[in-house]
Amino acid sequence: MQTMLTPEQRNETLRRLAENITRMGIRMPVSIILDVFGPFDVLSSQFAIMARPFVTGYRWEHYARALTDETSWQELRRLLSRQH
């Protein structure tokens, strides 16, 4: 089982996640939630780590792996703010 993503893989996964969120029409609510929980990025990353065994083998696995680093949450917020 691969545990680490390269920076390029992480960025591509986050970009796809932001695009999917935008396509589903929930960019604003997700952006608000991410902003509210911004001070807790470390805890959010820990939650993603804890969730990984439950999403292994499912499409959410890549997202959980990408979000295990607290800077990924900041990057996701940045990507969502750039989506139209």
C-alpha atoms as a PDB file:
ATOM      1  CA  MET A   1       0.000   0.000   0.000  1.00  0.00           C
ATOM      2  CA  GLN A   2       1.433   3.356  -1.042  1.00  0.00           C
ATOM      3  CA  THR A   3       1.357   5.824   1.842  1.00  0.00           C
ATOM      4  CA  MET A   4       2.880   9.019   0.457  1.00  0.00           C
ATOM      5  CA  LEU A   5       1.867  11.031  -2.554  1.00  0.00           C
ATOM      6  CA  THR A   6       4.369  13.041  -4.501  1.00  0.00           C
ATOM      7  CA  PRO A   7       3.693  16.798  -4.435  1.00  0.00           C
ATOM      8  CA  GLU A   8       2.505  16.565  -8.041  1.00  0.00           C
ATOM      9  CA  GLN A   9       0.091  13.729  -7.226  1.00  0.00           C
ATOM     10  CA  ARG A  10      -1.207  15.611  -4.184  1.00  0.00           C
ATOM     11  CA  ASN A  11      -1.772  18.802  -6.181  1.00  0.00           C
ATOM     12  CA  GLU A  12      -3.515  16.922  -8.996  1.00  0.00           C
ATOM     13  CA  THR A  13      -5.769  15.109  -6.512  1.00  0.00           C
ATOM     14  CA  LEU A  14      -6.679  18.380  -4.776  1.00  0.00           C
ATOM     15  CA  ARG A  15      -7.347  20.037  -8.129  1.00  0.00           C
ATOM     16  CA  ARG A  16      -9.709  17.192  -9.106  1.00  0.00           C
ATOM     17  CA  LEU A  17     -11.433  17.415  -5.716  1.00  0.00           C
ATOM     18  CA  ALA A  18     -11.962  21.171  -6.124  1.00  0.00           C
ATOM     19  CA  GLU A  19     -13.310  20.642  -9.643  1.00  0.00           C
ATOM     20  CA  ASN A  20     -15.720  17.944  -8.434  1.00  0.00           C
ATOM     21  CA  ILE A  21     -16.942  20.136  -5.583  1.00  0.00           C
ATOM     22  CA  THR A  22     -17.537  22.983  -8.032  1.00  0.00           C
ATOM     23  CA  ARG A  23     -19.257  20.707 -10.553  1.00  0.00           C
ATOM     24  CA  MET A  24     -21.641  19.468  -7.849  1.00  0.00           C
ATOM     25  CA  GLY A  25     -22.597  23.081  -7.110  1.00  0.00           C
ATOM     26  CA  ILE A  26     -21.457  23.057  -3.490  1.00  0.00           C
ATOM     27  CA  ARG A  27     -18.352  25.223  -3.759  1.00  0.00           C
ATOM     28  CA  MET A  28     -19.674  28.039  -1.552  1.00  0.00           C
ATOM     29  CA  PRO A  29     -20.924  25.860   1.338  1.00  0.00           C
ATOM     30  CA  VAL A  30     -17.721  23.803   1.282  1.00  0.00           C
ATOM     31  CA  SER A  31     -15.607  26.978   1.177  1.00  0.00           C
ATOM     32  CA  ILE A  32     -17.451  28.373   4.194  1.00  0.00           C
ATOM     33  CA  ILE A  33     -17.017  25.144   6.144  1.00  0.00           C
ATOM     34  CA  LEU A  34     -13.318  24.979   5.259  1.00  0.00           C
ATOM     35  CA  ASP A  35     -12.862  28.604   6.361  1.00  0.00           C
ATOM     36  CA  VAL A  36     -14.635  27.972   9.666  1.00  0.00           C
ATOM     37  CA  PHE A  37     -12.509  24.899  10.359  1.00  0.00           C
ATOM     38  CA  GLY A  38      -9.300  26.531   9.071  1.00  0.00           C
ATOM     39  CA  PRO A  39      -7.774  26.884  12.539  1.00  0.00           C
ATOM     40  CA  PHE A  40      -8.211  23.128  12.962  1.00  0.00           C
ATOM     41  CA  ASP A  41      -6.311  22.008   9.834  1.00  0.00           C
ATOM     42  CA  VAL A  42      -4.044  19.822  11.973  1.00  0.00           C
ATOM     43  CA  LEU A  43      -7.062  18.019  13.427  1.00  0.00           C
ATOM     44  CA  SER A  44      -8.630  17.731   9.982  1.00  0.00           C
ATOM     45  CA  SER A  45      -5.437  16.098   8.737  1.00  0.00           C
ATOM     46  CA  GLN A  46      -5.507  13.671  11.652  1.00  0.00           C
ATOM     47  CA  PHE A  47      -9.121  12.826  10.811  1.00  0.00           C
ATOM     48  CA  ALA A  48      -8.073  12.107   7.204  1.00  0.00           C
ATOM     49  CA  ILE A  49      -5.356   9.781   8.516  1.00  0.00           C
ATOM     50  CA  MET A  50      -7.867   7.966  10.738  1.00  0.00           C
ATOM     51  CA  ALA A  51     -10.346   7.663   7.845  1.00  0.00           C
ATOM     52  CA  ARG A  52      -7.865   6.071   5.453  1.00  0.00           C
ATOM     53  CA  PRO A  53      -8.455   2.443   6.515  1.00  0.00           C
ATOM     54  CA  PHE A  54     -12.178   2.913   5.897  1.00  0.00           C
ATOM     55  CA  VAL A  55     -11.792   4.368   2.404  1.00  0.00           C
ATOM     56  CA  THR A  56      -9.022   2.078   1.128  1.00  0.00           C
ATOM     57  CA  GLY A  57     -10.080   0.637  -2.199  1.00  0.00           C
ATOM     58  CA  TYR A  58     -12.710   3.308  -2.781  1.00  0.00           C
ATOM     59  CA  ARG A  59     -12.519   6.488  -4.862  1.00  0.00           C
ATOM     60  CA  TRP A  60     -12.177   8.560  -1.670  1.00  0.00           C
ATOM     61  CA  GLU A  61      -8.839   6.915  -0.884  1.00  0.00           C
ATOM     62  CA  HIS A  62      -6.867   9.371  -3.026  1.00  0.00           C
ATOM     63  CA  TYR A  63      -8.594  12.343  -1.427  1.00  0.00           C
ATOM     64  CA  ALA A  64      -7.940  11.042   2.086  1.00  0.00           C
ATOM     65  CA  ARG A  65      -4.278  10.473   1.240  1.00  0.00           C
ATOM     66  CA  ALA A  66      -3.956  13.981  -0.193  1.00  0.00           C
ATOM     67  CA  LEU A  67      -5.612  15.603   2.833  1.00  0.00           C
ATOM     68  CA  THR A  68      -3.376  14.008   5.463  1.00  0.00           C
ATOM     69  CA  ASP A  69      -1.087  17.050   5.322  1.00  0.00           C
ATOM     70  CA  GLU A  70      -2.415  20.249   6.882  1.00  0.00           C
ATOM     71  CA  THR A  71      -1.097  22.358   3.990  1.00  0.00           C
ATOM     72  CA  SER A  72      -3.419  20.399   1.711  1.00  0.00           C
ATOM     73  CA  TRP A  73      -6.428  21.952   3.421  1.00  0.00           C
ATOM     74  CA  GLN A  74      -5.004  25.408   2.739  1.00  0.00           C
ATOM     75  CA  GLU A  75      -4.394  24.470  -0.879  1.00  0.00           C
ATOM     76  CA  LEU A  76      -7.947  23.140  -1.243  1.00  0.00           C
ATOM     77  CA  ARG A  77      -9.302  26.447   0.091  1.00  0.00           C
ATOM     78  CA  ARG A  78      -7.108  28.322  -2.402  1.00  0.00           C
ATOM     79  CA  LEU A  79      -8.240  26.143  -5.304  1.00  0.00           C
ATOM     80  CA  LEU A  80     -11.904  26.561  -4.415  1.00  0.00           C
ATOM     81  CA  SER A  81     -11.510  30.336  -4.211  1.00  0.00           C
ATOM     82  CA  ARG A  82     -10.188  30.302  -7.793  1.00  0.00           C
ATOM     83  CA  GLN A  83     -13.018  28.147  -9.207  1.00  0.00           C
ATOM     84  CA  HIS A  84     -15.828  29.918 -11.048  1.00  0.00           C
END
